[in-house]
């Protein structure tokens, strides 16, 4: 299972509890997203039960690796961020 790297020194970190009772968090490694936006995003991810082990292949192969991160992008206001979803951490990074 891939572990996320430690947050940067200027990162904003908000802790929560996933639908299964395990701790989860959202990390804005850019430190630029307003805290209320991050809290709303974390709550939506918890509500949608997005935290936990996924069983998707991130490489498109037939091999499945548990806990591999999912990658996409996310727009907050006028800014575009890389969005990575690890089993119990959501992370925003700059492009």
Protein backbone atom coordinates (compact mmCIF):
# COMPACT_ATOMS: atom_id res chain seq x y z
CA UNK A 1 0.00 0.00 0.00
CA UNK A 2 1.36 3.41 -0.98
CA UNK A 3 1.78 5.82 1.92
CA UNK A 4 1.45 9.57 1.32
CA UNK A 5 4.55 11.67 2.00
CA UNK A 6 4.61 13.97 5.01
CA UNK A 7 2.86 17.32 4.49
CA UNK A 8 5.03 20.31 3.61
CA UNK A 9 5.86 22.99 6.20
CA UNK A 10 3.22 25.41 4.87
CA UNK A 11 0.48 22.78 4.44
CA UNK A 12 -2.99 23.11 5.91
CA UNK A 13 -4.14 19.85 7.50
CA UNK A 14 -7.70 19.15 8.65
CA UNK A 15 -8.45 15.93 10.53
CA UNK A 16 -11.70 13.98 10.43
CA UNK A 17 -13.23 10.55 10.97
CA UNK A 18 -14.10 8.35 7.99
CA UNK A 19 -17.42 6.52 7.66
CA UNK A 20 -15.81 3.40 9.17
CA UNK A 21 -14.56 5.24 12.27
CA UNK A 22 -10.92 5.48 11.18
CA UNK A 23 -9.06 8.80 11.23
CA UNK A 24 -8.75 10.60 7.92
CA UNK A 25 -7.55 14.00 6.81
CA UNK A 26 -7.28 16.45 3.99
CA UNK A 27 -3.93 18.10 3.27
CA UNK A 28 -3.57 21.27 1.22
CA UNK A 29 0.13 21.16 0.48
CA UNK A 30 -0.08 24.57 -1.22
CA UNK A 31 -1.45 26.27 1.88
CA UNK A 32 -3.64 28.46 -0.38
CA UNK A 33 -7.12 26.91 -0.23
CA UNK A 34 -9.40 28.63 2.32
CA UNK A 35 -10.03 26.46 5.37
CA UNK A 36 -13.87 26.47 4.94
CA UNK A 37 -13.42 25.06 1.40
CA UNK A 38 -11.16 22.29 2.74
CA UNK A 39 -13.61 21.44 5.53
CA UNK A 40 -16.46 21.25 3.00
CA UNK A 41 -14.41 18.99 0.72
CA UNK A 42 -13.39 16.71 3.61
CA UNK A 43 -17.00 16.41 4.77
CA UNK A 44 -18.14 15.57 1.21
CA UNK A 45 -15.47 12.87 0.87
CA UNK A 46 -16.52 11.35 4.21
CA UNK A 47 -20.21 11.50 3.28
CA UNK A 48 -19.50 9.83 -0.08
CA UNK A 49 -17.49 7.10 1.70
CA UNK A 50 -14.42 7.82 -0.42
CA UNK A 51 -11.92 6.97 2.34
CA UNK A 52 -10.68 3.42 2.83
CA UNK A 53 -8.98 0.85 0.64
CA UNK A 54 -9.85 0.96 -3.04
CA UNK A 55 -9.34 -1.95 -5.35
CA UNK A 56 -8.73 -0.15 -8.62
CA UNK A 57 -5.66 -0.41 -10.77
CA UNK A 58 -4.15 3.04 -11.13
CA UNK A 59 -2.09 1.85 -14.10
CA UNK A 60 -4.95 0.39 -16.12
CA UNK A 61 -3.47 -3.11 -15.95
CA UNK A 62 -5.27 -6.24 -14.82
CA UNK A 63 -3.18 -6.30 -11.62
CA UNK A 64 -4.90 -4.75 -8.63
CA UNK A 65 -2.86 -3.14 -5.87
CA UNK A 66 -4.79 -2.36 -2.72
CA UNK A 67 -4.52 1.18 -1.45
CA UNK A 68 -3.00 2.77 -4.55
CA UNK A 69 -3.83 6.50 -4.76
CA UNK A 70 -6.33 7.88 -7.23
CA UNK A 71 -5.28 10.96 -9.22
CA UNK A 72 -7.38 13.70 -10.77
CA UNK A 73 -7.59 17.49 -10.71
CA UNK A 74 -9.79 19.85 -8.72
CA UNK A 75 -10.70 23.48 -9.27
CA UNK A 76 -11.21 25.74 -6.26
CA UNK A 77 -12.18 29.25 -7.29
CA UNK A 78 -9.96 30.14 -10.24
CA UNK A 79 -7.11 27.80 -9.22
CA UNK A 80 -6.53 24.28 -10.49
CA UNK A 81 -4.88 21.67 -8.22
CA UNK A 82 -3.70 18.08 -8.49
CA UNK A 83 -5.98 15.97 -6.29
CA UNK A 84 -4.67 12.71 -4.87
CA UNK A 85 -6.83 10.37 -2.83
CA UNK A 86 -4.94 7.92 -0.65
CA UNK A 87 -6.83 5.40 1.55
CA UNK A 88 -7.25 7.83 4.46
CA UNK A 89 -5.83 11.09 3.13
CA UNK A 90 -6.96 13.50 0.44
CA UNK A 91 -4.22 15.80 -0.82
CA UNK A 92 -4.14 18.96 -2.92
CA UNK A 93 -0.90 19.79 -4.71
CA UNK A 94 0.02 22.50 -7.19
CA UNK A 95 0.61 21.62 -10.83
